[in-house]
Protein backbone atom coordinates (compact mmCIF):
# COMPACT_ATOMS: atom_id res chain seq x y z
CA UNK A 1 303.50 176.44 -97.57
CA UNK A 2 303.39 178.72 -94.55
CA UNK A 3 306.60 180.49 -93.75
CA UNK A 4 307.17 182.95 -90.96
CA UNK A 5 310.01 184.38 -88.99
CA UNK A 6 310.18 184.93 -85.27
CA UNK A 7 312.81 187.34 -83.98
CA UNK A 8 314.13 186.83 -80.48
CA UNK A 9 314.74 190.36 -79.09
CA UNK A 10 318.29 191.30 -78.33
CA UNK A 11 317.75 193.35 -75.17
CA UNK A 12 316.71 191.85 -71.87
CA UNK A 13 314.41 194.85 -71.40
CA UNK A 14 312.08 193.17 -73.87
CA UNK A 15 312.31 189.66 -72.47
CA UNK A 16 309.23 188.62 -70.54
CA UNK A 17 311.06 186.54 -67.99
CA UNK A 18 313.63 188.23 -65.83
CA UNK A 19 315.18 184.90 -64.88
CA UNK A 20 316.43 184.26 -68.40
CA UNK A 21 318.05 187.68 -68.52
CA UNK A 22 319.68 187.26 -65.14
CA UNK A 23 321.43 184.13 -66.40
CA UNK A 24 322.87 186.08 -69.34
CA UNK A 25 323.62 189.49 -67.81
CA UNK A 26 327.30 189.07 -68.60
CA UNK A 27 326.62 188.63 -72.33
CA UNK A 28 326.70 191.74 -74.51
CA UNK A 29 324.20 191.67 -77.41
CA UNK A 30 326.05 191.59 -80.72
CA UNK A 31 323.18 192.85 -82.86
CA UNK A 32 323.48 189.77 -85.08
CA UNK A 33 321.06 186.90 -85.55
CA UNK A 34 321.54 183.22 -86.29
CA UNK A 35 318.79 181.59 -88.35
CA UNK A 36 317.35 178.29 -87.15
CA UNK A 37 314.89 176.47 -89.39
CA UNK A 38 311.83 174.68 -88.00
CA UNK A 39 309.92 172.07 -90.00
CA UNK A 40 306.66 170.75 -88.61
CA UNK A 41 302.90 170.49 -89.05
CA UNK A 42 301.27 173.87 -88.41
CA UNK A 43 298.09 173.02 -90.29
CA UNK A 44 296.12 169.88 -91.07
CA UNK A 45 295.38 166.90 -88.83
CA UNK A 46 298.67 167.15 -86.91
CA UNK A 47 298.61 170.88 -86.27
CA UNK A 48 298.60 170.28 -82.50
CA UNK A 49 302.09 168.77 -82.77
CA UNK A 50 303.53 171.92 -84.31
CA UNK A 51 301.68 174.20 -81.91
CA UNK A 52 302.92 172.29 -78.87
CA UNK A 53 306.52 171.91 -80.04
CA UNK A 54 306.96 175.59 -80.76
CA UNK A 55 305.77 176.46 -77.25
CA UNK A 56 308.61 174.38 -75.88
CA UNK A 57 311.08 176.07 -78.23
CA UNK A 58 309.87 179.53 -77.23
CA UNK A 59 310.13 178.56 -73.57
CA UNK A 60 313.85 177.81 -73.90
CA UNK A 61 314.51 180.91 -75.99
CA UNK A 62 313.02 183.00 -73.18
CA UNK A 63 315.36 181.27 -70.77
CA UNK A 64 318.36 181.79 -73.07
CA UNK A 65 317.62 184.73 -75.41
CA UNK A 66 321.24 185.09 -76.50
CA UNK A 67 324.00 182.76 -77.60
CA UNK A 68 327.22 182.91 -75.61
CA UNK A 69 328.70 185.30 -78.21
CA UNK A 70 325.76 187.70 -77.92
CA UNK A 71 323.95 186.71 -81.13
CA UNK A 72 320.17 186.40 -81.08
CA UNK A 73 318.10 183.67 -82.72
CA UNK A 74 315.75 184.03 -85.67
CA UNK A 75 313.35 181.17 -86.23
CA UNK A 76 312.33 180.45 -89.82
CA UNK A 77 309.27 178.20 -89.86
CA UNK A 78 308.07 175.91 -92.64
CA UNK A 79 304.75 174.09 -92.44
CA UNK A 80 305.02 170.60 -93.92
CA UNK A 81 301.59 169.38 -92.75
CA UNK A 82 303.45 166.19 -91.78
CA UNK A 83 303.63 165.34 -95.49
CA UNK A 84 306.94 163.73 -96.58
CA UNK A 85 307.00 165.54 -99.92
CA UNK A 86 306.48 168.92 -98.26
CA UNK A 87 309.15 168.06 -95.68
CA UNK A 88 311.69 167.58 -98.48
CA UNK A 89 310.73 170.89 -100.09
CA UNK A 90 310.98 172.65 -96.73
CA UNK A 91 314.50 171.25 -96.24
CA UNK A 92 315.61 172.57 -99.62
CA UNK A 93 314.12 176.03 -98.99
CA UNK A 94 315.59 176.43 -95.53
CA UNK A 95 319.03 175.17 -96.55
CA UNK A 96 319.41 176.98 -99.87
CA UNK A 97 317.24 180.10 -99.77
CA UNK A 98 317.13 180.94 -96.08
CA UNK A 99 320.66 179.68 -95.36
CA UNK A 100 319.81 178.53 -91.86
CA UNK A 101 322.55 177.28 -89.59
CA UNK A 102 320.58 174.21 -88.50
CA UNK A 103 317.10 172.69 -88.66
CA UNK A 104 314.81 171.22 -86.03
CA UNK A 105 312.08 168.94 -87.39
CA UNK A 106 309.13 167.74 -85.33
CA UNK A 107 307.26 165.80 -87.97
CA UNK A 108 306.84 162.06 -87.66
CA UNK A 109 308.98 159.26 -89.05
CA UNK A 110 307.76 159.08 -92.66
CA UNK A 111 308.50 162.79 -93.15
CA UNK A 112 311.88 162.66 -91.43
CA UNK A 113 312.94 159.63 -93.46
CA UNK A 114 312.41 161.74 -96.58
CA UNK A 115 314.59 164.47 -95.08
CA UNK A 116 317.16 161.83 -94.14
CA UNK A 117 317.57 160.94 -97.83
CA UNK A 118 318.43 164.57 -98.74
CA UNK A 119 320.09 166.20 -95.72
CA UNK A 120 323.64 165.25 -96.70
CA UNK A 121 323.18 166.89 -100.11
CA UNK A 122 322.61 170.24 -98.42
CA UNK A 123 325.13 169.78 -95.61
CA UNK A 124 322.78 171.19 -92.98
CA UNK A 125 322.45 169.64 -89.51
CA UNK A 126 318.95 168.36 -88.74
CA UNK A 127 317.73 167.41 -85.27
CA UNK A 128 314.62 165.17 -85.25
CA UNK A 129 312.56 165.69 -82.10
CA UNK A 130 309.80 163.08 -82.35
CA UNK A 131 310.59 160.62 -85.14
CA UNK A 132 311.31 157.24 -83.56
CA UNK A 133 311.83 154.98 -86.58
CA UNK A 134 315.10 153.08 -86.23
CA UNK A 135 316.44 154.34 -89.58
CA UNK A 136 316.12 158.08 -88.86
CA UNK A 137 319.88 158.59 -88.32
CA UNK A 138 321.02 155.74 -90.57
CA UNK A 139 322.90 156.34 -93.85
CA UNK A 140 323.22 160.05 -93.15
CA UNK A 141 325.88 162.22 -91.58
CA UNK A 142 323.59 165.19 -90.90
CA UNK A 143 320.41 163.90 -89.21
CA UNK A 144 320.49 163.26 -85.46
CA UNK A 145 317.71 161.72 -83.40
CA UNK A 146 316.62 163.13 -80.03
CA UNK A 147 314.13 160.40 -78.98
CA UNK A 148 314.89 156.73 -78.40
CA UNK A 149 313.96 154.64 -81.42
CA UNK A 150 311.26 152.03 -81.91
CA UNK A 151 313.67 149.12 -81.46
CA UNK A 152 314.52 150.27 -77.92
CA UNK A 153 310.91 151.14 -77.05
CA UNK A 154 309.49 147.87 -78.38
CA UNK A 155 312.19 145.84 -76.63
CA UNK A 156 311.66 147.56 -73.27
CA UNK A 157 307.89 147.20 -73.57
CA UNK A 158 308.26 143.45 -74.12
CA UNK A 159 310.69 143.08 -71.21
CA UNK A 160 308.42 145.05 -68.87
CA UNK A 161 305.36 142.99 -69.80
CA UNK A 162 307.18 139.68 -69.36
CA UNK A 163 309.49 140.39 -66.40
CA UNK A 164 307.57 142.99 -64.37
CA UNK A 165 303.92 142.21 -65.11
CA UNK A 166 304.59 138.46 -65.45
CA UNK A 167 302.20 138.28 -68.41
CA UNK A 168 302.84 135.57 -70.99
CA UNK A 169 299.90 135.95 -73.41
CA UNK A 170 299.53 139.21 -75.37
CA UNK A 171 297.52 140.49 -78.34
CA UNK A 172 299.10 143.18 -80.55
CA UNK A 173 297.26 145.85 -82.53
CA UNK A 174 299.11 147.66 -85.33
CA UNK A 175 298.48 149.94 -88.31
CA UNK A 176 300.10 148.24 -91.34
CA UNK A 177 300.34 151.58 -93.18
CA UNK A 178 302.33 153.33 -90.42
CA UNK A 179 306.16 153.19 -90.13
CA UNK A 180 305.78 153.98 -86.45
CA UNK A 181 303.13 151.42 -85.59
CA UNK A 182 304.56 148.50 -87.56
CA UNK A 183 308.15 148.88 -86.37
CA UNK A 184 307.08 149.16 -82.72
CA UNK A 185 304.71 146.22 -82.96
CA UNK A 186 307.19 144.03 -84.85
CA UNK A 187 310.00 144.65 -82.35
CA UNK A 188 307.68 144.01 -79.42
CA UNK A 189 306.60 140.70 -80.97
CA UNK A 190 310.19 139.67 -81.79
CA UNK A 191 311.48 140.37 -78.27
CA UNK A 192 308.42 139.06 -76.44
CA UNK A 193 308.44 135.74 -78.27
CA UNK A 194 312.20 135.41 -77.73
CA UNK A 195 311.49 135.58 -73.99
CA UNK A 196 308.98 132.75 -74.25
CA UNK A 197 305.81 134.82 -74.41
CA UNK A 198 302.89 133.99 -76.70
CA UNK A 199 301.36 136.54 -79.07
CA UNK A 200 297.81 135.25 -79.36
CA UNK A 201 296.65 137.68 -82.07
CA UNK A 202 298.03 140.40 -84.33
CA UNK A 203 295.14 142.67 -85.29
CA UNK A 204 295.62 145.06 -88.26
CA UNK A 205 294.08 148.46 -87.52
CA UNK A 206 293.38 151.20 -90.04
CA UNK A 207 292.33 154.80 -89.23
CA UNK A 208 288.55 154.99 -89.15
CA UNK A 209 288.15 151.26 -88.71
CA UNK A 210 285.56 150.09 -86.20
CA UNK A 211 286.93 147.60 -83.70
CA UNK A 212 283.82 145.66 -82.76
CA UNK A 213 283.00 143.49 -79.78
CA UNK A 214 283.11 140.54 -82.15
CA UNK A 215 286.78 141.21 -82.97
CA UNK A 216 287.72 141.76 -79.35
CA UNK A 217 285.76 138.75 -78.16
CA UNK A 218 287.97 136.54 -80.33
CA UNK A 219 291.02 138.13 -78.66
CA UNK A 220 289.51 137.48 -75.24
CA UNK A 221 288.68 133.85 -76.04
CA UNK A 222 292.26 133.35 -77.25
CA UNK A 223 293.44 134.24 -73.77
CA UNK A 224 295.21 137.60 -74.17
CA UNK A 225 296.09 139.07 -70.77
CA UNK A 226 297.42 142.35 -72.19
CA UNK A 227 296.69 144.43 -75.29
CA UNK A 228 299.78 146.13 -76.77
CA UNK A 229 298.58 149.06 -78.89
CA UNK A 230 301.11 151.33 -80.65
CA UNK A 231 298.23 152.87 -82.64
CA UNK A 232 296.55 156.30 -83.04
CA UNK A 233 294.86 157.64 -79.92
CA UNK A 234 291.41 157.84 -81.50
CA UNK A 235 291.36 154.11 -82.32
CA UNK A 236 292.90 153.14 -79.00
CA UNK A 237 290.19 155.04 -77.11
CA UNK A 238 287.50 153.19 -79.07
CA UNK A 239 289.10 149.86 -78.14
CA UNK A 240 289.15 150.87 -74.48
CA UNK A 241 285.49 151.90 -74.60
CA UNK A 242 284.56 148.63 -76.25
CA UNK A 243 286.40 146.49 -73.69
CA UNK A 244 284.65 148.46 -70.94
CA UNK A 245 281.27 147.74 -72.53
CA UNK A 246 282.21 144.04 -72.68
CA UNK A 247 283.15 144.03 -68.99
CA UNK A 248 286.60 142.80 -69.99
CA UNK A 249 289.59 144.41 -68.28
CA UNK A 250 292.91 143.03 -69.54
CA UNK A 251 296.07 145.05 -68.96
CA UNK A 252 296.66 147.59 -71.73
CA UNK A 253 299.75 149.42 -72.99
CA UNK A 254 300.16 152.32 -75.41
CA UNK A 255 303.21 154.15 -76.78
CA UNK A 256 304.89 157.57 -76.71
CA UNK A 257 302.87 160.74 -77.25
CA UNK A 258 299.54 158.99 -76.63
CA UNK A 259 298.33 161.07 -73.68
CA UNK A 260 299.29 164.34 -75.37
CA UNK A 261 297.34 163.41 -78.51
CA UNK A 262 294.23 162.47 -76.53
CA UNK A 263 294.52 165.70 -74.48
CA UNK A 264 294.66 167.78 -77.66
CA UNK A 265 292.17 165.97 -79.91
CA UNK A 266 289.90 163.86 -77.72
CA UNK A 267 289.93 165.52 -74.30
CA UNK A 268 286.41 164.36 -73.52
CA UNK A 269 287.69 160.76 -73.73
CA UNK A 270 290.51 161.10 -71.19
CA UNK A 271 288.64 159.15 -68.52
CA UNK A 272 288.89 156.00 -70.64
CA UNK A 273 292.71 156.04 -70.37
CA UNK A 274 292.76 155.48 -66.61
CA UNK A 275 294.94 152.49 -65.78
CA UNK A 276 296.59 152.36 -69.21
CA UNK A 277 300.35 151.83 -69.24
CA UNK A 278 302.17 154.22 -71.58
CA UNK A 279 305.83 154.44 -72.55
CA UNK A 280 307.11 157.96 -73.11
CA UNK A 281 310.15 160.25 -73.08
CA UNK A 282 308.73 162.16 -70.11
CA UNK A 283 306.50 161.89 -67.06
CA UNK A 284 304.64 164.34 -64.86
CA UNK A 285 305.34 162.79 -61.47
CA UNK A 286 309.08 161.98 -61.40
CA UNK A 287 311.23 164.92 -60.19
CA UNK A 288 312.75 166.79 -63.11
CA UNK A 289 316.35 167.91 -63.50
CA UNK A 290 317.25 171.49 -62.51
CA UNK A 291 316.88 172.43 -66.18
CA UNK A 292 313.50 170.69 -66.24
CA UNK A 293 312.28 172.55 -63.16
CA UNK A 294 313.28 175.90 -64.65
CA UNK A 295 311.69 175.07 -67.99
CA UNK A 296 308.39 174.10 -66.34
CA UNK A 297 308.32 177.35 -64.34
CA UNK A 298 309.09 179.36 -67.47
CA UNK A 299 306.42 177.56 -69.50
CA UNK A 300 303.77 178.22 -66.86
CA UNK A 301 304.59 181.94 -66.89
CA UNK A 302 304.36 182.13 -70.67
CA UNK A 303 301.48 179.83 -71.52
CA UNK A 304 298.21 178.59 -70.12
CA UNK A 305 297.04 175.02 -70.22
CA UNK A 306 298.58 171.58 -70.25
CA UNK A 307 302.05 171.03 -71.68
CA UNK A 308 302.76 167.48 -72.78
CA UNK A 309 305.27 165.34 -74.61
CA UNK A 310 305.53 167.52 -77.72
CA UNK A 311 306.11 170.70 -75.72
CA UNK A 312 308.77 168.93 -73.67
CA UNK A 313 310.47 167.69 -76.84
CA UNK A 314 310.53 171.22 -78.28
CA UNK A 315 312.16 172.59 -75.14
CA UNK A 316 314.73 169.84 -74.88
CA UNK A 317 315.58 169.92 -78.60
CA UNK A 318 316.19 173.67 -78.66
CA UNK A 319 318.35 173.45 -75.53
CA UNK A 320 320.46 170.69 -77.12
CA UNK A 321 320.88 172.70 -80.33
CA UNK A 322 321.88 175.88 -78.48
CA UNK A 323 324.43 173.84 -76.54
CA UNK A 324 325.93 172.63 -79.84
CA UNK A 325 326.01 176.10 -81.42
CA UNK A 326 327.65 177.62 -78.36
CA UNK A 327 330.58 175.23 -78.73
CA UNK A 328 331.37 176.50 -82.24
CA UNK A 329 333.65 179.44 -82.90
CA UNK A 330 331.32 180.57 -85.68
CA UNK A 331 327.64 180.07 -84.79
CA UNK A 332 326.63 179.61 -88.44
CA UNK A 333 329.21 176.90 -89.17
CA UNK A 334 327.03 173.97 -90.21
CA UNK A 335 329.83 171.42 -90.13
CA UNK A 336 330.79 172.41 -86.59
CA UNK A 337 327.19 172.47 -85.34
CA UNK A 338 326.59 169.02 -86.77
CA UNK A 339 329.78 167.70 -85.18
CA UNK A 340 328.85 169.23 -81.81
CA UNK A 341 325.34 167.78 -81.96
CA UNK A 342 326.91 164.37 -82.40
CA UNK A 343 329.23 165.05 -79.47
CA UNK A 344 326.46 165.84 -77.01
CA UNK A 345 327.63 164.04 -73.88
CA UNK A 346 325.64 163.74 -70.66
CA UNK A 347 323.52 166.78 -71.44
CA UNK A 348 321.02 167.63 -68.71
CA UNK A 349 317.64 167.07 -70.33
CA UNK A 350 314.26 167.45 -68.69
CA UNK A 351 314.20 164.05 -66.98
CA UNK A 352 317.86 163.06 -66.89
CA UNK A 353 321.10 162.93 -68.84
CA UNK A 354 321.18 162.27 -72.58
CA UNK A 355 324.00 161.63 -75.03
CA UNK A 356 323.94 161.85 -78.84
CA UNK A 357 326.63 159.63 -80.29
CA UNK A 358 328.72 160.09 -83.43
CA UNK A 359 326.18 158.04 -85.41
CA UNK A 360 323.38 160.47 -84.54
CA UNK A 361 321.63 158.02 -82.21
CA UNK A 362 320.65 159.05 -78.70
CA UNK A 363 321.19 157.39 -75.35
CA UNK A 364 318.48 158.54 -72.96
CA UNK A 365 316.07 157.11 -70.39
CA UNK A 366 312.73 155.62 -71.35
CA UNK A 367 309.91 156.00 -68.86
CA UNK A 368 307.01 153.64 -68.25
CA UNK A 369 303.99 155.54 -66.94
CA UNK A 370 300.49 154.68 -65.88
CA UNK A 371 297.75 157.15 -66.78
CA UNK A 372 295.41 158.35 -64.04
CA UNK A 373 293.15 161.37 -64.10
CA UNK A 374 294.63 162.65 -67.35
CA UNK A 375 298.18 162.62 -65.93
CA UNK A 376 301.19 160.37 -66.51
CA UNK A 377 302.26 158.81 -63.23
CA UNK A 378 305.79 157.46 -63.06
CA UNK A 379 306.28 153.69 -62.81
CA UNK A 380 309.91 153.03 -63.80
CA UNK A 381 312.80 154.62 -65.69
CA UNK A 382 314.88 152.42 -68.00
CA UNK A 383 318.28 153.30 -69.50
C-alpha cells in the first residue's frame, strides 16, 4: 500500500500564494506539525478520484498553511484502491502507527462502510467526503458525512421529476452490485411511486454489459418519458449513444460525480451528455460563496485543467476539518476534533452554508444541473 507524507511549509516565504500568507500574517509558526491521514484511491480504476481530491486539499492548505496556533499540517496518505479491505487496514495504520489527529476518506460507500465498523475502536475522527450511502454515519460516534446521502438525493430527484418536469412515467437503471446505485434507485422508486408516478421498468445494469437497442426499445414501448440512471458513467454514455442512434430522446437524469468521471475517463464522449440532468453537490454556473471564489482562484493558480466535484469535495472537506481543529485547545485531541466536527454549524462551504449535526449527518444544499458543453449549468438549489 502506498504511503507518503506531504509537509506543509511553516514559513510564508515558501508558500506559493501570497494571499494565503496575508490572511495568516498575525500567526507565528510554532515549528510543530499536526498529522492528518488521507485514505483514498491513488492507483487502480478510481485513481482519478484520489488525484482530484488531493488537489482540492492542497488548494485549501495553500490558503491556510497554518493552524490558528501556528502549527503546520503533515498529510499522511494511504492508498486503498477503493477496496474495503484495504480501507480498513489503512484506518488501523493511520490511527495506531502514524497517530494522526483525524482522517479524511474519499473512497466510495462500500469502503467507508468498512471503516464505519472500526472507527470507534480506534477513537479517531473520520470525515467522509464522497460516500453517500445512508448508513455512513450510522452506528458510529466517529464517522461524519460531508455529502448529502442517497435517501435525500433519491427523494429530491423523484420530487423534481414529478413536480417540476411533470413526468409521470419513468424507467430506472441500476447496478444491483453497487451500494450507491441500488440505494439511490430504490429511494427514487419509493418516493416517485408514493407521489403517483409509474416506474415502467427497472433495468439491472452490470459493468461491461451491453445495453442494446432491443432492451431500450422495450423501455420506449412501455412509455418511459425519463430515464433515471444512477449508474457508472461509462454505461450511461453507452445508453445515451444508443438512444441517439434510435432517434429516441426521452428526458434523462444522472447522479452526483457523473460529469467529473466522464471528464476524467471518457472525455471524448462528453458531447453525448448534452441535455442530461445531473444532481450534484456543486455547479459551475451558480455564484460561489466568498470562500468558494477564493478557492477557485487559488486552484487556478496552482493547477491546470478542469476541477470538478472531487476537487471541490477535497477543498471543502479540508476546510471543515481545519475549522474543527482550530476550535480545540490541543490540535491533536481526537475527542475534541470529533466533537467539533459534529458541531459544525452554518459553515461557509463552496456553494452555501452546511451544518454537520451531532449524529454525523450533514445538512447542505443539493443542486440540480443540466449538462451543456461539458459544463454543469445550474437549474435549482434544494435544501
